[in-house]
């Protein structure tokens, strides 16, 4: 597996992990201010969530790459 495949796996896993991490720690305000969305969280903590996403996506990429190199699964479709 080359650098391109690892990069693609990292990008895909990064987005999947980001969508899983975004809701964590988000609390809606008890009394929303005027001219704001009622569903907007009080503090988004985006920086922390992006750091966590980057680390978890790197770990996922390492695990997926290990599984592919050990031939537990493959990226290529092989018909029966």
N, C-alpha and C. Protein backbone atom coordinates (compact mmCIF):
# COMPACT_ATOMS: atom_id res chain seq x y z
N UNK A 1 0.85 -1.17 0.00
CA UNK A 1 0.00 0.00 0.00
C UNK A 1 0.89 1.23 0.00
N UNK A 2 0.55 2.18 -0.84
CA UNK A 2 1.38 3.36 -1.00
C UNK A 2 0.87 4.56 -0.22
N UNK A 3 1.57 5.66 -0.40
CA UNK A 3 1.25 6.90 0.30
C UNK A 3 -0.14 7.41 -0.10
N UNK A 4 -0.50 7.25 -1.37
CA UNK A 4 -1.81 7.70 -1.82
C UNK A 4 -2.94 6.99 -1.07
N UNK A 5 -2.83 5.68 -0.93
CA UNK A 5 -3.87 4.93 -0.24
C UNK A 5 -3.96 5.33 1.23
N UNK A 6 -2.80 5.49 1.88
CA UNK A 6 -2.82 5.92 3.28
C UNK A 6 -3.44 7.32 3.42
N UNK A 7 -3.14 8.20 2.47
CA UNK A 7 -3.71 9.55 2.52
C UNK A 7 -5.21 9.51 2.35
N UNK A 8 -5.69 8.71 1.43
CA UNK A 8 -7.13 8.61 1.21
C UNK A 8 -7.85 7.99 2.42
N UNK A 9 -7.25 6.97 3.01
CA UNK A 9 -7.83 6.37 4.21
C UNK A 9 -7.86 7.39 5.35
N UNK A 10 -6.78 8.17 5.49
CA UNK A 10 -6.73 9.19 6.55
C UNK A 10 -7.80 10.25 6.34
N UNK A 11 -7.96 10.72 5.12
CA UNK A 11 -8.95 11.77 4.85
C UNK A 11 -10.37 11.25 5.13
N UNK A 12 -10.66 10.05 4.66
CA UNK A 12 -12.00 9.50 4.90
C UNK A 12 -12.26 9.25 6.38
N UNK A 13 -11.28 8.69 7.07
CA UNK A 13 -11.47 8.43 8.50
C UNK A 13 -11.52 9.74 9.29
N UNK A 14 -10.81 10.78 8.84
CA UNK A 14 -10.84 12.07 9.52
C UNK A 14 -12.25 12.65 9.50
N UNK A 15 -12.89 12.59 8.34
CA UNK A 15 -14.25 13.13 8.24
C UNK A 15 -15.25 12.31 9.05
N UNK A 16 -15.12 11.01 9.01
CA UNK A 16 -16.03 10.16 9.78
C UNK A 16 -15.87 10.42 11.28
N UNK A 17 -14.62 10.50 11.73
CA UNK A 17 -14.37 10.76 13.15
C UNK A 17 -14.84 12.16 13.53
N UNK A 18 -14.65 13.15 12.66
CA UNK A 18 -15.12 14.51 12.96
C UNK A 18 -16.63 14.53 13.18
N UNK A 19 -17.36 13.83 12.33
CA UNK A 19 -18.82 13.81 12.49
C UNK A 19 -19.23 13.08 13.76
N UNK A 20 -18.40 12.18 14.25
CA UNK A 20 -18.72 11.51 15.51
C UNK A 20 -18.34 12.36 16.71
N UNK A 21 -17.29 13.17 16.60
CA UNK A 21 -16.77 13.95 17.73
C UNK A 21 -17.53 15.27 17.92
N UNK A 22 -18.08 15.83 16.87
CA UNK A 22 -18.72 17.15 16.96
C UNK A 22 -19.79 17.27 18.05
N UNK A 23 -20.66 16.30 18.26
CA UNK A 23 -21.69 16.50 19.29
C UNK A 23 -21.19 16.42 20.73
N UNK A 24 -20.02 15.84 20.97
CA UNK A 24 -19.55 15.67 22.34
C UNK A 24 -19.30 17.01 23.01
N UNK A 25 -19.84 17.15 24.21
CA UNK A 25 -19.60 18.35 25.00
C UNK A 25 -20.37 19.57 24.55
N UNK A 26 -21.30 19.43 23.65
CA UNK A 26 -22.11 20.56 23.19
C UNK A 26 -23.36 20.67 24.04
N UNK A 27 -23.54 21.84 24.62
CA UNK A 27 -24.71 22.08 25.46
C UNK A 27 -25.45 23.29 24.91
N UNK A 28 -26.76 23.16 24.81
CA UNK A 28 -27.57 24.28 24.36
C UNK A 28 -27.76 25.27 25.49
N UNK A 29 -27.78 26.55 25.16
CA UNK A 29 -27.99 27.55 26.22
C UNK A 29 -29.41 27.48 26.77
N UNK A 30 -29.54 27.75 28.07
CA UNK A 30 -30.87 27.72 28.70
C UNK A 30 -31.74 28.85 28.16
N UNK A 31 -31.14 30.02 28.01
CA UNK A 31 -31.86 31.17 27.44
C UNK A 31 -31.04 31.71 26.27
N UNK A 32 -31.41 31.36 25.05
CA UNK A 32 -30.64 31.84 23.90
C UNK A 32 -30.77 33.34 23.72
N UNK A 33 -29.70 33.95 23.24
CA UNK A 33 -29.73 35.39 22.99
C UNK A 33 -30.57 35.68 21.76
N UNK A 34 -30.95 36.94 21.62
CA UNK A 34 -31.72 37.32 20.45
C UNK A 34 -30.83 37.24 19.21
N UNK A 35 -31.45 36.98 18.09
CA UNK A 35 -30.77 36.90 16.79
C UNK A 35 -29.72 35.80 16.72
N UNK A 36 -29.87 34.76 17.49
CA UNK A 36 -29.00 33.59 17.39
C UNK A 36 -29.87 32.36 17.17
N UNK A 37 -29.26 31.34 16.60
CA UNK A 37 -29.99 30.09 16.40
C UNK A 37 -30.19 29.41 17.75
N UNK A 38 -31.35 28.85 17.96
CA UNK A 38 -31.67 28.19 19.24
C UNK A 38 -30.90 26.88 19.39
N UNK A 39 -30.45 26.30 18.28
CA UNK A 39 -29.73 25.04 18.35
C UNK A 39 -28.21 25.23 18.41
N UNK A 40 -27.73 26.47 18.43
CA UNK A 40 -26.29 26.73 18.49
C UNK A 40 -25.77 26.46 19.91
N UNK A 41 -24.66 25.70 20.04
CA UNK A 41 -24.15 25.40 21.39
C UNK A 41 -23.53 26.64 22.03
N UNK A 42 -23.43 26.59 23.37
CA UNK A 42 -22.82 27.71 24.10
C UNK A 42 -21.36 27.88 23.72
N UNK A 43 -20.59 26.81 23.85
CA UNK A 43 -19.17 26.81 23.48
C UNK A 43 -18.94 25.61 22.56
N UNK A 44 -18.41 25.87 21.39
CA UNK A 44 -18.25 24.79 20.42
C UNK A 44 -16.97 23.98 20.66
N UNK A 45 -15.93 24.57 21.23
CA UNK A 45 -14.65 23.90 21.47
C UNK A 45 -14.11 23.25 20.19
N UNK A 46 -14.15 23.98 19.09
CA UNK A 46 -13.77 23.42 17.79
C UNK A 46 -12.30 23.03 17.77
N UNK A 47 -11.44 23.84 18.35
CA UNK A 47 -10.00 23.53 18.34
C UNK A 47 -9.70 22.19 19.00
N UNK A 48 -10.29 21.96 20.16
CA UNK A 48 -10.09 20.70 20.87
C UNK A 48 -10.66 19.53 20.07
N UNK A 49 -11.82 19.73 19.47
CA UNK A 49 -12.44 18.66 18.69
C UNK A 49 -11.64 18.33 17.44
N UNK A 50 -11.03 19.34 16.81
CA UNK A 50 -10.19 19.08 15.64
C UNK A 50 -8.93 18.33 16.03
N UNK A 51 -8.35 18.66 17.18
CA UNK A 51 -7.17 17.94 17.65
C UNK A 51 -7.51 16.49 17.96
N UNK A 52 -8.61 16.26 18.66
CA UNK A 52 -9.03 14.89 18.97
C UNK A 52 -9.32 14.12 17.68
N UNK A 53 -9.98 14.78 16.73
CA UNK A 53 -10.28 14.14 15.45
C UNK A 53 -9.01 13.74 14.72
N UNK A 54 -8.02 14.61 14.70
CA UNK A 54 -6.76 14.32 14.01
C UNK A 54 -6.06 13.12 14.64
N UNK A 55 -6.02 13.07 15.95
CA UNK A 55 -5.36 11.95 16.64
C UNK A 55 -6.11 10.64 16.41
N UNK A 56 -7.43 10.67 16.57
CA UNK A 56 -8.21 9.44 16.39
C UNK A 56 -8.18 8.96 14.94
N UNK A 57 -8.17 9.88 13.98
CA UNK A 57 -8.10 9.49 12.57
C UNK A 57 -6.74 8.88 12.25
N UNK A 58 -5.68 9.39 12.87
CA UNK A 58 -4.35 8.79 12.67
C UNK A 58 -4.31 7.38 13.23
N UNK A 59 -4.89 7.19 14.40
CA UNK A 59 -4.93 5.84 14.99
C UNK A 59 -5.75 4.90 14.12
N UNK A 60 -6.90 5.38 13.61
CA UNK A 60 -7.73 4.56 12.74
C UNK A 60 -6.99 4.21 11.45
N UNK A 61 -6.24 5.15 10.90
CA UNK A 61 -5.48 4.89 9.68
C UNK A 61 -4.40 3.85 9.92
N UNK A 62 -3.74 3.91 11.05
CA UNK A 62 -2.72 2.92 11.38
C UNK A 62 -3.34 1.54 11.52
N UNK A 63 -4.48 1.45 12.19
CA UNK A 63 -5.15 0.15 12.37
C UNK A 63 -5.63 -0.40 11.03
N UNK A 64 -6.24 0.45 10.21
CA UNK A 64 -6.72 -0.01 8.90
C UNK A 64 -5.55 -0.42 8.01
N UNK A 65 -4.49 0.37 8.01
CA UNK A 65 -3.30 0.01 7.22
C UNK A 65 -2.68 -1.29 7.69
N UNK A 66 -2.64 -1.50 8.99
CA UNK A 66 -2.12 -2.76 9.53
C UNK A 66 -2.96 -3.93 9.07
N UNK A 67 -4.29 -3.77 9.12
CA UNK A 67 -5.19 -4.83 8.69
C UNK A 67 -5.06 -5.14 7.21
N UNK A 68 -4.84 -4.12 6.41
CA UNK A 68 -4.67 -4.34 4.97
C UNK A 68 -3.33 -5.01 4.69
N UNK A 69 -2.28 -4.57 5.35
CA UNK A 69 -0.95 -5.17 5.13
C UNK A 69 -0.89 -6.62 5.61
N UNK A 70 -1.65 -6.95 6.65
CA UNK A 70 -1.69 -8.33 7.15
C UNK A 70 -2.71 -9.18 6.40
N UNK A 71 -3.39 -8.55 5.41
CA UNK A 71 -4.37 -9.20 4.55
C UNK A 71 -5.58 -9.73 5.31
N UNK A 72 -5.98 -9.01 6.37
CA UNK A 72 -7.23 -9.34 7.05
C UNK A 72 -8.41 -8.87 6.21
N UNK A 73 -8.23 -7.78 5.47
CA UNK A 73 -9.23 -7.30 4.53
C UNK A 73 -8.50 -6.54 3.43
N UNK A 74 -9.22 -6.17 2.38
CA UNK A 74 -8.60 -5.52 1.23
C UNK A 74 -9.42 -4.31 0.80
N UNK A 75 -8.80 -3.44 0.04
CA UNK A 75 -9.50 -2.29 -0.51
C UNK A 75 -10.11 -2.62 -1.87
N UNK A 76 -9.71 -3.71 -2.46
CA UNK A 76 -10.10 -4.03 -3.83
C UNK A 76 -11.20 -5.08 -3.83
N UNK A 77 -12.15 -4.89 -4.72
CA UNK A 77 -13.26 -5.83 -4.86
C UNK A 77 -12.80 -7.02 -5.69
N UNK A 78 -13.02 -8.20 -5.16
CA UNK A 78 -12.68 -9.42 -5.88
C UNK A 78 -13.96 -10.23 -6.05
N UNK A 79 -14.44 -10.37 -7.29
CA UNK A 79 -15.68 -11.12 -7.49
C UNK A 79 -15.50 -12.58 -7.13
N UNK A 80 -16.60 -13.22 -6.79
CA UNK A 80 -16.58 -14.61 -6.37
C UNK A 80 -16.25 -15.54 -7.51
